[in-house]
Amino acid sequence: MKRIIVAVSLILAITSCRDVVGPVEGNTPGGPYVVWFNGLSANASVFFEESDSLITNAWTTGSAPNQILALGSNQFAILSSLSAEIRFYSGENTGTTIGSILLPEGSNPWSFAFLDGLGYATLLLSDSVAVFDTASLEITSMISTDPNPSGIACSGDRLYVGHSNWPESSSPGGVSVISLDSGELLNWIDTGVNTHWLKLQPSGMLHCYSTTYQNDGTITAIDPVTLEIKTVIQCGGAPGEGVRSGDCFLSPDGWGNGGLVKYTESGDFSRISLDFAPIGLAISGNTMYATSFGTHSVYLLDTATCQVIDSLQAGGEGPQGIIAVDPSN
């Protein structure tokens, strides 16, 4: 699986005039915040909304960070592929790591998920899923999978694993449904070649994002209970993990045609043009935050209009994954 980095020539004239704080170890301003990782710099930056405080290079990550997840209790974790590790952090303090898990060397973990005190990480080059205890931060078992496990999600007693088209190019893609109790394959769902991201949405549906980066992007919505495919959206481009906004969803297409894919689970979709290529999205209140790999910036958009209202320095090169955290929830 290869991502093509496109040079972005259009950079918005909106710039941030905030005072930027460098890497500092200590207490944070508190309140809701947005945190993202900079893939080429192996660090993470954070913006605290209530205090309008931007702290760049707030935490270090492993090599080639690939996914960030909120864990609750004001904590989050970042998975890094080349260094094969997951690091855990607290939004209360910058500059420190509160724990880490070392995954098998050379396994190239792609994504991870959590459920009931256990974590699951796909090991792209090892055709398996590592199971680990979130309290002890120790690997407890391995689950064998079909080639190229990448996207992952879990609910109930099932694990859902998406399969990409690298390194085994003959992989048909799709989603494996695996029993969490036995590790056995329960079902296979055809969602297309290179189904590399999965996300359980607030609606309860499992959204699968597939593309070969040849303007053939597909978003498939699956009922995780019945395993029935509810919707297949042939949106083209290369859709990324979508976020819910009102009664629809927004998917970033920065690796494909640019802009956003706005879609519903009933199958309707449209495209929203932007003057930058969005890679990751997060929504906090009425604001959507979008990372731009090419401009090394994070843009703030109005969720109703998708118009840019401000921007932030990313604090590193190649910002990608991003989450919004409200410690009060």
Protein backbone atom coordinates (compact mmCIF):
# COMPACT_ATOMS: atom_id res chain seq x y z
CA MET A 1 0.00 0.00 0.00
CA LYS A 2 1.61 3.23 -1.07
CA ARG A 3 0.41 6.71 -0.46
CA ILE A 4 1.21 9.33 -3.03
CA ILE A 5 2.17 12.65 -1.47
CA VAL A 6 0.94 15.47 -3.68
CA ALA A 7 2.66 18.84 -3.51
CA VAL A 8 0.08 21.44 -2.56
CA SER A 9 0.51 24.78 -4.27
CA LEU A 10 -2.51 26.56 -2.84
CA ILE A 11 -1.89 27.65 0.74
CA LEU A 12 -4.60 29.64 2.47
CA ALA A 13 -3.76 33.21 3.36
CA ILE A 14 -5.31 32.77 6.80
CA THR A 15 -2.56 32.48 9.40
CA SER A 16 -2.58 32.10 13.12
CA CYS A 17 -1.36 34.96 15.29
CA ARG A 18 -1.39 32.90 18.48
CA ASP A 19 1.57 32.72 20.78
CA VAL A 20 2.97 29.27 20.23
CA VAL A 21 4.44 27.39 23.16
CA GLY A 22 7.23 24.94 22.37
CA PRO A 23 7.74 21.52 23.90
CA VAL A 24 7.08 21.88 27.61
CA GLU A 25 6.79 19.20 30.26
CA GLY A 26 4.07 20.03 32.73
CA ASN A 27 0.44 20.81 33.33
CA THR A 28 -1.79 21.88 30.47
CA PRO A 29 -4.42 24.68 30.46
CA GLY A 30 -7.22 22.10 30.71
CA GLY A 31 -10.62 21.96 29.05
CA PRO A 32 -11.50 20.58 25.60
CA TYR A 33 -8.61 20.14 23.23
CA VAL A 34 -7.65 18.86 19.80
CA VAL A 35 -4.49 16.81 19.36
CA TRP A 36 -2.83 15.59 16.18
CA PHE A 37 0.39 13.84 15.18
CA ASN A 38 2.89 15.06 12.62
CA GLY A 39 3.86 11.99 10.65
CA LEU A 40 7.19 13.20 9.28
CA SER A 41 8.35 14.76 12.55
CA ALA A 42 7.33 11.99 14.97
CA ASN A 43 5.64 14.36 17.38
CA ALA A 44 2.17 15.49 18.43
CA SER A 45 0.80 18.99 18.96
CA VAL A 46 -2.26 20.13 20.91
CA PHE A 47 -4.67 23.08 20.82
CA PHE A 48 -6.69 23.95 23.95
CA GLU A 49 -9.86 25.64 22.78
CA GLU A 50 -11.02 27.54 25.87
CA SER A 51 -7.64 29.17 26.51
CA ASP A 52 -6.81 29.53 22.80
CA SER A 53 -3.47 27.88 23.55
CA LEU A 54 -1.42 26.02 20.97
CA ILE A 55 1.41 23.80 22.21
CA THR A 56 3.53 22.45 19.38
CA ASN A 57 5.72 19.37 19.71
CA ALA A 58 3.88 18.62 22.95
CA TRP A 59 4.67 14.90 22.88
CA THR A 60 7.03 12.63 20.98
CA THR A 61 5.71 9.60 19.10
CA GLY A 62 7.30 6.53 17.65
CA SER A 63 8.60 6.42 14.09
CA ALA A 64 5.94 6.82 11.36
CA PRO A 65 2.84 7.40 13.53
CA ASN A 66 -0.25 6.13 11.73
CA GLN A 67 -3.30 6.38 14.02
CA ILE A 68 -4.46 8.24 17.12
CA LEU A 69 -7.39 7.23 19.35
CA ALA A 70 -9.10 8.81 22.35
CA LEU A 71 -9.37 6.38 25.27
CA GLY A 72 -11.57 8.27 27.72
CA SER A 73 -10.45 9.57 31.14
CA ASN A 74 -8.55 12.36 29.35
CA GLN A 75 -6.14 9.91 27.77
CA PHE A 76 -5.22 9.04 24.21
CA ALA A 77 -2.83 6.74 22.37
CA ILE A 78 -0.80 6.89 19.15
CA LEU A 79 0.24 3.84 17.13
CA SER A 80 3.49 4.09 15.15
CA SER A 81 4.23 1.70 12.30
CA LEU A 82 8.00 1.66 11.75
CA SER A 83 8.94 1.53 15.43
CA ALA A 84 6.06 -0.94 16.02
CA GLU A 85 4.69 0.55 19.21
CA ILE A 86 1.73 2.22 20.86
CA ARG A 87 2.35 5.09 23.27
CA PHE A 88 -0.17 6.35 25.81
CA TYR A 89 -0.57 9.96 26.91
CA SER A 90 -2.63 12.14 29.24
CA GLY A 91 -4.14 15.47 28.22
CA GLU A 92 -3.23 16.77 31.67
CA ASN A 93 0.51 16.82 31.02
CA THR A 94 2.68 17.49 28.01
CA GLY A 95 6.12 16.08 27.44
CA THR A 96 5.49 12.74 29.13
CA THR A 97 4.43 9.26 28.07
CA ILE A 98 2.35 7.39 30.64
CA GLY A 99 2.93 3.97 29.11
CA SER A 100 3.80 2.08 25.95
CA ILE A 101 3.45 -1.29 24.25
CA LEU A 102 6.17 -2.71 22.03
CA LEU A 103 4.70 -4.76 19.20
CA PRO A 104 6.73 -7.38 17.26
CA GLU A 105 9.67 -5.77 15.49
CA GLY A 106 9.14 -5.40 11.76
CA SER A 107 5.41 -6.17 11.98
CA ASN A 108 4.39 -2.69 10.72
CA PRO A 109 1.24 -2.23 12.84
CA TRP A 110 -1.38 -0.25 10.93
CA SER A 111 -4.30 0.53 13.26
CA PHE A 112 -5.78 -0.40 16.61
CA ALA A 113 -9.00 -0.53 18.63
CA PHE A 114 -10.09 -0.98 22.26
CA LEU A 115 -12.91 -2.88 23.96
CA ASP A 116 -13.51 -3.91 27.58
CA GLY A 117 -9.96 -3.58 28.85
CA LEU A 118 -8.30 -5.15 25.82
CA GLY A 119 -6.66 -3.61 22.79
CA TYR A 120 -6.26 -5.02 19.28
CA ALA A 121 -3.62 -3.93 16.75
CA THR A 122 -3.35 -5.10 13.14
CA LEU A 123 0.15 -6.21 12.16
CA LEU A 124 0.30 -5.54 8.44
CA LEU A 125 3.48 -7.52 7.71
CA SER A 126 2.73 -10.37 10.11
CA ASP A 127 -0.80 -11.29 8.94
CA SER A 128 -2.07 -11.16 12.49
CA VAL A 129 -3.70 -9.08 15.21
CA ALA A 130 -1.91 -8.48 18.50
CA VAL A 131 -4.16 -8.59 21.58
CA PHE A 132 -2.96 -6.64 24.62
CA ASP A 133 -4.15 -5.81 28.12
CA THR A 134 -4.69 -2.08 28.58
CA ALA A 135 -3.91 -2.23 32.31
CA SER A 136 -0.67 -4.20 32.23
CA LEU A 137 0.26 -3.00 28.72
CA GLU A 138 1.35 -6.51 27.84
CA ILE A 139 0.56 -8.58 24.75
CA THR A 140 -1.64 -11.49 25.78
CA SER A 141 -2.20 -13.34 22.49
CA MET A 142 -2.07 -13.24 18.70
CA ILE A 143 -4.88 -13.84 16.21
CA SER A 144 -3.94 -15.07 12.73
CA THR A 145 -5.65 -13.30 9.81
CA ASP A 146 -5.77 -13.27 6.05
CA PRO A 147 -3.00 -11.26 4.34
CA ASN A 148 -2.51 -7.52 4.81
CA PRO A 149 -4.61 -6.76 7.91
CA SER A 150 -4.95 -3.00 8.21
CA GLY A 151 -8.19 -1.34 9.36
CA ILE A 152 -9.74 -2.66 12.57
CA ALA A 153 -12.83 -2.21 14.75
CA CYS A 154 -14.53 -4.26 17.45
CA SER A 155 -17.93 -4.49 19.13
CA GLY A 156 -19.84 -7.09 21.10
CA ASP A 157 -18.01 -10.38 20.67
CA ARG A 158 -16.67 -9.65 17.19
CA LEU A 159 -13.53 -8.22 15.67
CA TYR A 160 -13.65 -6.63 12.21
CA VAL A 161 -10.45 -6.50 10.17
CA GLY A 162 -10.04 -4.74 6.82
CA HIS A 163 -7.45 -5.99 4.34
CA SER A 164 -5.29 -3.84 2.09
CA ASN A 165 -3.50 -4.69 -1.15
CA TRP A 166 0.07 -4.52 0.14
CA PRO A 167 2.40 -6.34 0.53
CA GLU A 168 0.37 -9.26 -0.87
CA SER A 169 -0.98 -7.69 -4.07
CA SER A 170 -3.33 -10.60 -4.81
CA SER A 171 -5.42 -9.91 -1.70
CA PRO A 172 -9.06 -9.34 -2.71
CA GLY A 173 -9.55 -6.82 0.08
CA GLY A 174 -12.67 -6.97 2.18
CA VAL A 175 -13.43 -7.40 5.86
CA SER A 176 -12.84 -10.45 8.06
CA VAL A 177 -15.31 -10.94 10.91
CA ILE A 178 -13.52 -12.77 13.73
CA SER A 179 -14.79 -14.18 17.01
CA LEU A 180 -13.21 -12.42 19.99
CA ASP A 181 -13.73 -15.55 22.06
CA SER A 182 -12.12 -18.13 19.80
CA GLY A 183 -10.18 -16.09 17.23
CA GLU A 184 -11.93 -18.01 14.46
CA LEU A 185 -13.10 -16.48 11.20
CA LEU A 186 -16.89 -16.11 11.28
CA ASN A 187 -17.53 -14.37 7.98
CA TRP A 188 -15.98 -12.56 5.06
CA ILE A 189 -17.53 -9.40 3.60
CA ASP A 190 -16.48 -8.17 0.17
CA THR A 191 -15.90 -4.42 0.42
CA GLY A 192 -13.40 -4.07 -2.41
CA VAL A 193 -9.63 -4.04 -2.87
CA ASN A 194 -7.57 -2.16 -0.30
CA THR A 195 -10.11 -1.77 2.48
CA HIS A 196 -7.54 -0.08 4.68
CA TRP A 197 -9.66 1.86 7.22
CA LEU A 198 -12.63 0.76 9.31
CA LYS A 199 -14.63 2.90 11.70
CA LEU A 200 -17.61 2.16 13.93
CA GLN A 201 -19.68 5.29 13.62
CA PRO A 202 -21.99 6.77 16.31
CA SER A 203 -24.92 5.49 14.24
CA GLY A 204 -23.84 1.95 15.12
CA MET A 205 -22.86 1.14 11.54
CA LEU A 206 -19.40 -0.01 10.49
CA HIS A 207 -18.00 2.19 7.72
CA CYS A 208 -15.33 0.69 5.48
CA TYR A 209 -13.07 2.86 3.33
CA SER A 210 -11.50 1.32 0.22
CA THR A 211 -9.37 2.67 -2.63
CA THR A 212 -6.43 1.80 -4.88
CA TYR A 213 -5.69 5.52 -5.36
CA GLN A 214 -6.94 5.33 -8.96
CA ASN A 215 -10.06 7.47 -8.39
CA ASP A 216 -11.95 4.33 -7.37
CA GLY A 217 -12.76 5.10 -3.74
CA THR A 218 -15.66 3.28 -2.11
CA ILE A 219 -17.40 3.70 1.24
CA THR A 220 -19.34 0.66 2.45
CA ALA A 221 -21.71 0.76 5.44
CA ILE A 222 -22.25 -2.58 7.20
CA ASP A 223 -24.63 -3.54 9.98
CA PRO A 224 -22.21 -5.12 12.52
CA VAL A 225 -24.99 -7.25 14.01
CA THR A 226 -26.50 -8.81 10.90
CA LEU A 227 -23.32 -8.33 8.81
CA GLU A 228 -25.54 -7.04 6.01
CA ILE A 229 -24.15 -4.45 3.61
CA LYS A 230 -26.51 -1.49 3.86
CA THR A 231 -24.90 0.95 1.48
CA VAL A 232 -22.10 1.04 -1.10
CA ILE A 233 -21.05 4.55 -2.15
CA GLN A 234 -18.88 4.75 -5.25
CA CYS A 235 -17.48 8.19 -4.46
CA GLY A 236 -14.18 7.94 -6.34
CA GLY A 237 -11.01 9.49 -5.01
CA ALA A 238 -9.47 7.98 -1.88
CA PRO A 239 -11.84 8.51 1.07
CA GLY A 240 -10.40 8.47 4.59
CA GLU A 241 -11.98 7.90 8.00
CA GLY A 242 -15.20 9.90 8.14
CA VAL A 243 -16.69 11.90 11.02
CA ARG A 244 -20.37 12.46 11.70
CA SER A 245 -21.67 15.99 11.24
CA GLY A 246 -25.41 16.31 11.94
CA ASP A 247 -27.30 13.73 9.90
CA CYS A 248 -24.43 13.08 7.47
CA PHE A 249 -20.77 12.13 7.43
CA LEU A 250 -17.68 13.88 6.10
CA SER A 251 -14.69 11.96 4.75
CA PRO A 252 -11.33 13.60 3.91
CA ASP A 253 -10.05 12.92 0.40
CA GLY A 254 -6.61 14.51 0.67
CA TRP A 255 -4.84 11.45 -0.75
CA GLY A 256 -7.19 11.35 -3.74
CA ASN A 257 -9.24 14.06 -5.43
CA GLY A 258 -8.94 16.57 -2.60
CA GLY A 259 -11.72 18.19 -0.61
CA LEU A 260 -14.38 16.33 1.35
CA VAL A 261 -16.86 13.59 0.56
CA LYS A 262 -20.20 14.37 2.23
CA TYR A 263 -22.34 11.24 2.45
CA THR A 264 -25.24 9.55 4.21
CA GLU A 265 -25.85 5.93 5.13
CA SER A 266 -28.73 5.88 2.67
CA GLY A 267 -26.20 6.28 -0.17
CA ASP A 268 -26.38 9.98 -1.05
CA PHE A 269 -23.08 11.79 -1.49
CA SER A 270 -21.62 15.03 -2.79
CA ARG A 271 -18.21 16.67 -2.88
CA ILE A 272 -17.04 19.81 -1.12
CA SER A 273 -14.03 21.59 -2.60
CA LEU A 274 -11.31 23.03 -0.37
CA ASP A 275 -8.13 24.98 -1.10
CA PHE A 276 -6.06 22.40 0.74
CA ALA A 277 -5.94 18.62 0.86
CA PRO A 278 -7.51 17.36 4.13
CA ILE A 279 -6.04 14.17 5.61
CA GLY A 280 -7.66 13.81 9.05
CA LEU A 281 -10.84 15.28 10.55
CA ALA A 282 -12.12 15.91 14.06
CA ILE A 283 -15.20 17.82 15.24
CA SER A 284 -15.52 19.77 18.47
CA GLY A 285 -18.76 21.71 18.96
CA ASN A 286 -19.43 23.71 15.81
CA THR A 287 -15.85 23.54 14.59
CA MET A 288 -14.24 20.94 12.38
CA TYR A 289 -10.47 20.59 12.45
CA ALA A 290 -8.69 19.29 9.34
CA THR A 291 -5.03 18.36 9.05
CA SER A 292 -3.18 19.18 5.84
CA PHE A 293 -0.11 17.05 5.15
CA GLY A 294 1.11 19.32 2.36
CA THR A 295 0.82 22.69 4.10
CA HIS A 296 1.90 21.53 7.58
CA SER A 297 -1.20 23.20 9.01
CA VAL A 298 -4.44 22.42 10.79
CA TYR A 299 -7.47 24.31 9.49
CA LEU A 300 -10.59 25.22 11.43
CA LEU A 301 -13.85 25.01 9.47
CA ASP A 302 -17.43 25.89 10.30
CA THR A 303 -19.26 22.55 10.43
CA ALA A 304 -22.42 24.01 8.85
CA THR A 305 -20.75 25.64 5.84
CA CYS A 306 -17.35 23.87 5.71
CA GLN A 307 -15.79 27.30 5.24
CA VAL A 308 -12.32 27.89 6.70
CA ILE A 309 -12.41 30.28 9.66
CA ASP A 310 -8.86 30.00 11.03
CA SER A 311 -5.67 27.93 10.92
CA LEU A 312 -3.01 26.62 13.26
CA GLN A 313 0.65 25.80 12.85
CA ALA A 314 0.97 22.03 12.94
CA GLY A 315 4.19 22.16 14.93
CA GLY A 316 5.84 19.61 12.66
CA GLU A 317 5.83 18.21 9.14
CA GLY A 318 3.05 16.08 7.68
CA PRO A 319 0.13 16.39 10.14
CA GLN A 320 -2.26 13.46 9.72
CA GLY A 321 -4.36 11.81 12.44
CA ILE A 322 -6.38 14.10 14.71
CA ILE A 323 -8.90 13.73 17.55
CA ALA A 324 -11.01 16.05 19.69
CA VAL A 325 -11.18 15.38 23.44
CA ASP A 326 -13.51 16.84 26.07
CA PRO A 327 -12.24 15.71 29.49
CA SER A 328 -15.60 16.54 31.09
CA ASN A 329 -17.33 13.77 29.09
